[in-house]
């Protein structure tokens, strides 16, 4: 029996040990802009307005809103790149995840199913040297809908025929309910204090 095991990316495979607001703070302060609660709200609102509508460049639009609200004379392209570099450098992959993914890839088809922009999300995997472990990468922007919509899951079925599909993710509504409604076996990932082994034990037991 063939099995395709799908993983959410952010906070499932690639972890964020600190709040994202800290990443934004360091990025904008590196360009001489004072971080305030007001700028945090401006950044967050601008990002999600664009992101939820699947409109282009949510990170750039978010930083553009920050620059405008701060009245700063800042190179926007440089700020956007600083945010990207700061974010990637702040992420980690638990050793348990890396080891288990390598083992699982030997006998199963693996896929990433993520809400996000393909180029940026793939670059996170590249940053951690994990890209080659996955047979398929599905980003919501390329299928025209975010999870829990069925479109990302449907793309997996189209590209990777299998007898059974499993979806592992940390968000209950988007990952678990979305997967269940699409006919996938869901695994809800709730990380332990050490950031990983509980998830991988569950997957090993299932497959």
Protein backbone atom coordinates (compact mmCIF):
# COMPACT_ATOMS: atom_id res chain seq x y z
CA UNK A 1 0.00 0.00 0.00
CA UNK A 2 1.36 3.40 -0.95
CA UNK A 3 1.12 6.26 1.50
CA UNK A 4 1.63 9.96 0.92
CA UNK A 5 2.48 11.82 4.11
CA UNK A 6 1.88 15.57 3.97
CA UNK A 7 3.29 18.13 6.36
CA UNK A 8 2.45 21.69 7.12
CA UNK A 9 5.60 23.81 7.01
CA UNK A 10 5.56 26.60 9.60
CA UNK A 11 5.68 25.39 13.21
CA UNK A 12 5.46 21.76 12.09
CA UNK A 13 8.62 21.08 10.10
CA UNK A 14 10.25 24.49 10.40
CA UNK A 15 9.91 25.93 13.89
CA UNK A 16 9.81 29.50 15.18
CA UNK A 17 11.29 29.47 18.71
CA UNK A 18 10.31 33.10 19.29
CA UNK A 19 7.23 35.22 18.47
CA UNK A 20 7.19 36.53 14.91
CA UNK A 21 6.84 40.08 16.21
CA UNK A 22 10.42 39.81 17.53
CA UNK A 23 11.63 38.99 14.02
CA UNK A 24 9.80 42.01 12.62
CA UNK A 25 11.22 44.19 15.39
CA UNK A 26 14.81 43.25 14.61
CA UNK A 27 14.31 43.72 10.88
CA UNK A 28 12.85 47.20 11.08
CA UNK A 29 15.19 48.36 13.85
CA UNK A 30 18.11 47.30 11.64
CA UNK A 31 16.94 50.06 9.30
CA UNK A 32 16.70 52.72 11.98
CA UNK A 33 12.94 52.56 12.51
CA UNK A 34 11.74 52.54 16.10
CA UNK A 35 9.46 49.57 16.73
CA UNK A 36 6.21 50.45 18.47
CA UNK A 37 2.92 48.70 19.20
CA UNK A 38 1.34 50.92 16.55
CA UNK A 39 3.79 49.76 13.90
CA UNK A 40 3.27 46.17 14.96
CA UNK A 41 -0.48 46.55 14.40
CA UNK A 42 0.06 48.31 11.07
CA UNK A 43 2.40 45.59 9.86
CA UNK A 44 0.12 42.75 10.92
CA UNK A 45 -3.04 44.27 9.45
CA UNK A 46 -1.36 45.08 6.13
CA UNK A 47 0.09 41.58 5.84
CA UNK A 48 -3.09 39.66 6.56
CA UNK A 49 -5.28 41.90 4.42
CA UNK A 50 -3.12 41.06 1.42
CA UNK A 51 -2.40 37.45 2.41
CA UNK A 52 -5.98 36.36 3.03
CA UNK A 53 -7.00 37.82 -0.34
CA UNK A 54 -4.13 35.96 -2.06
CA UNK A 55 -2.87 39.27 -3.40
CA UNK A 56 0.81 39.64 -4.40
CA UNK A 57 3.73 40.45 -2.09
CA UNK A 58 2.18 40.47 1.39
CA UNK A 59 5.61 40.87 3.03
CA UNK A 60 6.48 43.83 0.85
CA UNK A 61 3.07 45.40 1.40
CA UNK A 62 3.44 44.94 5.14
CA UNK A 63 6.84 46.63 5.23
CA UNK A 64 5.61 49.41 2.92
CA UNK A 65 2.84 50.13 5.43
CA UNK A 66 5.43 50.28 8.23
CA UNK A 67 7.65 52.69 6.31
CA UNK A 68 4.69 54.93 5.52
CA UNK A 69 3.33 54.90 9.07
CA UNK A 70 6.77 55.68 10.49
CA UNK A 71 7.46 58.39 7.94
CA UNK A 72 10.83 56.78 7.38
CA UNK A 73 13.26 57.36 4.54
CA UNK A 74 14.11 53.69 4.11
CA UNK A 75 15.03 51.55 1.13
CA UNK A 76 11.96 49.31 0.95
CA UNK A 77 13.67 46.58 -1.07
CA UNK A 78 16.48 46.39 1.48
CA UNK A 79 14.00 46.25 4.36
CA UNK A 80 12.03 43.42 2.76
CA UNK A 81 15.24 41.46 2.21
CA UNK A 82 16.32 42.06 5.81
CA UNK A 83 12.99 40.70 7.03
CA UNK A 84 13.46 37.59 4.89
CA UNK A 85 17.02 37.00 6.09
CA UNK A 86 16.09 37.63 9.72
CA UNK A 87 13.13 35.27 9.52
CA UNK A 88 15.09 32.43 7.96
CA UNK A 89 17.95 32.81 10.43
CA UNK A 90 15.47 32.66 13.31
CA UNK A 91 13.93 29.33 12.30
CA UNK A 92 15.03 25.89 13.43
CA UNK A 93 14.36 22.25 12.54
CA UNK A 94 14.38 19.78 15.46
CA UNK A 95 16.86 16.95 15.09
CA UNK A 96 14.01 14.48 15.58
CA UNK A 97 12.18 15.99 12.62
CA UNK A 98 15.22 15.89 10.36
CA UNK A 99 16.01 12.27 11.24
CA UNK A 100 12.44 11.04 10.91
CA UNK A 101 11.80 12.83 7.63
CA UNK A 102 14.92 11.23 6.20
CA UNK A 103 13.74 7.79 7.30
CA UNK A 104 10.15 8.32 6.15
CA UNK A 105 11.25 9.51 2.71
CA UNK A 106 12.85 6.13 2.03
CA UNK A 107 9.50 4.28 2.00
CA UNK A 108 6.82 6.94 1.53
CA UNK A 109 5.92 9.85 -0.71
CA UNK A 110 6.34 13.09 1.24
CA UNK A 111 4.72 16.44 0.51
CA UNK A 112 4.60 19.90 2.01
CA UNK A 113 1.15 21.52 2.02
CA UNK A 114 1.44 25.08 3.26
CA UNK A 115 -0.48 28.32 3.34
CA UNK A 116 1.92 30.76 1.74
CA UNK A 117 3.87 31.89 -1.29
CA UNK A 118 5.72 29.07 -3.00
CA UNK A 119 9.04 30.85 -3.52
CA UNK A 120 9.35 31.99 0.09
CA UNK A 121 8.19 28.73 1.60
CA UNK A 122 10.46 26.58 -0.58
CA UNK A 123 13.34 28.87 0.35
CA UNK A 124 12.80 28.01 4.02
CA UNK A 125 13.26 24.32 3.24
CA UNK A 126 16.32 25.16 1.13
CA UNK A 127 17.74 27.14 4.05
CA UNK A 128 17.61 24.01 6.19
CA UNK A 129 18.68 21.56 3.48
CA UNK A 130 15.40 19.63 3.48
CA UNK A 131 13.98 20.27 0.02
CA UNK A 132 15.18 17.04 -1.58
CA UNK A 133 13.29 14.92 0.96
CA UNK A 134 9.93 15.96 -0.47
CA UNK A 135 8.30 14.69 -3.65
CA UNK A 136 5.84 17.58 -3.88
CA UNK A 137 5.46 21.10 -2.55
CA UNK A 138 1.99 22.69 -2.60
CA UNK A 139 1.58 26.34 -1.61
CA UNK A 140 -1.85 27.90 -1.24
CA UNK A 141 -0.99 30.85 -3.45
CA UNK A 142 -0.41 28.57 -6.44
CA UNK A 143 -3.72 26.71 -6.11
CA UNK A 144 -5.81 29.81 -5.42
CA UNK A 145 -7.01 28.96 -1.91
CA UNK A 146 -5.67 28.59 1.61
CA UNK A 147 -6.23 25.53 3.78
CA UNK A 148 -8.79 24.41 5.00
CA UNK A 149 -10.12 24.74 1.45
CA UNK A 150 -9.84 21.46 -0.43
CA UNK A 151 -7.75 22.91 -3.28
CA UNK A 152 -4.30 22.29 -1.72
CA UNK A 153 -5.27 18.74 -0.79
CA UNK A 154 -6.76 18.10 -4.22
CA UNK A 155 -3.45 19.11 -5.79
CA UNK A 156 -1.67 16.44 -3.74
CA UNK A 157 -4.09 13.76 -5.00
CA UNK A 158 -3.54 14.90 -8.58
CA UNK A 159 0.24 14.88 -8.36
CA UNK A 160 0.93 11.96 -6.01
CA UNK A 161 -1.48 9.04 -6.45
CA UNK A 162 -1.57 6.85 -3.34
CA UNK A 163 -3.76 4.43 -1.41
CA UNK A 164 -3.72 6.57 1.71
CA UNK A 165 -3.01 10.21 2.52
CA UNK A 166 -1.86 11.56 5.88
CA UNK A 167 -1.68 15.24 6.87
CA UNK A 168 0.43 16.46 9.79
CA UNK A 169 -0.04 20.01 11.01
CA UNK A 170 -0.18 22.25 14.05
CA UNK A 171 -3.30 24.27 13.17
CA UNK A 172 -6.48 22.43 14.06
CA UNK A 173 -8.87 24.22 11.71
CA UNK A 174 -6.64 24.56 8.67
CA UNK A 175 -4.62 21.34 8.91
CA UNK A 176 -6.71 18.84 10.84
CA UNK A 177 -10.23 19.78 9.76
CA UNK A 178 -9.10 20.64 6.25
CA UNK A 179 -7.39 17.27 5.90
CA UNK A 180 -10.30 15.33 7.38
CA UNK A 181 -12.77 17.01 5.03
CA UNK A 182 -10.51 16.14 2.10
CA UNK A 183 -10.38 12.48 3.09
CA UNK A 184 -6.87 12.57 4.54
CA UNK A 185 -5.89 11.00 7.86
CA UNK A 186 -5.09 13.98 10.11
CA UNK A 187 -2.41 14.15 12.80
CA UNK A 188 -2.55 17.21 15.03
CA UNK A 189 0.95 18.29 15.99
CA UNK A 190 1.28 19.82 19.46
CA UNK A 191 4.98 20.22 20.12
CA UNK A 192 6.56 19.17 23.38
CA UNK A 193 9.05 21.21 25.34
CA UNK A 194 11.89 19.85 23.24
CA UNK A 195 10.18 20.75 19.99
CA UNK A 196 9.62 17.52 18.19
CA UNK A 197 9.86 13.87 19.24
CA UNK A 198 6.18 13.55 20.23
CA UNK A 199 5.15 14.26 16.62
CA UNK A 200 7.54 11.82 15.06
CA UNK A 201 6.67 9.01 17.44
CA UNK A 202 3.03 9.40 16.42
CA UNK A 203 3.85 9.22 12.74
CA UNK A 204 6.11 6.19 13.15
CA UNK A 205 3.30 4.39 14.97
CA UNK A 206 0.78 5.23 12.23
CA UNK A 207 2.79 4.29 9.15
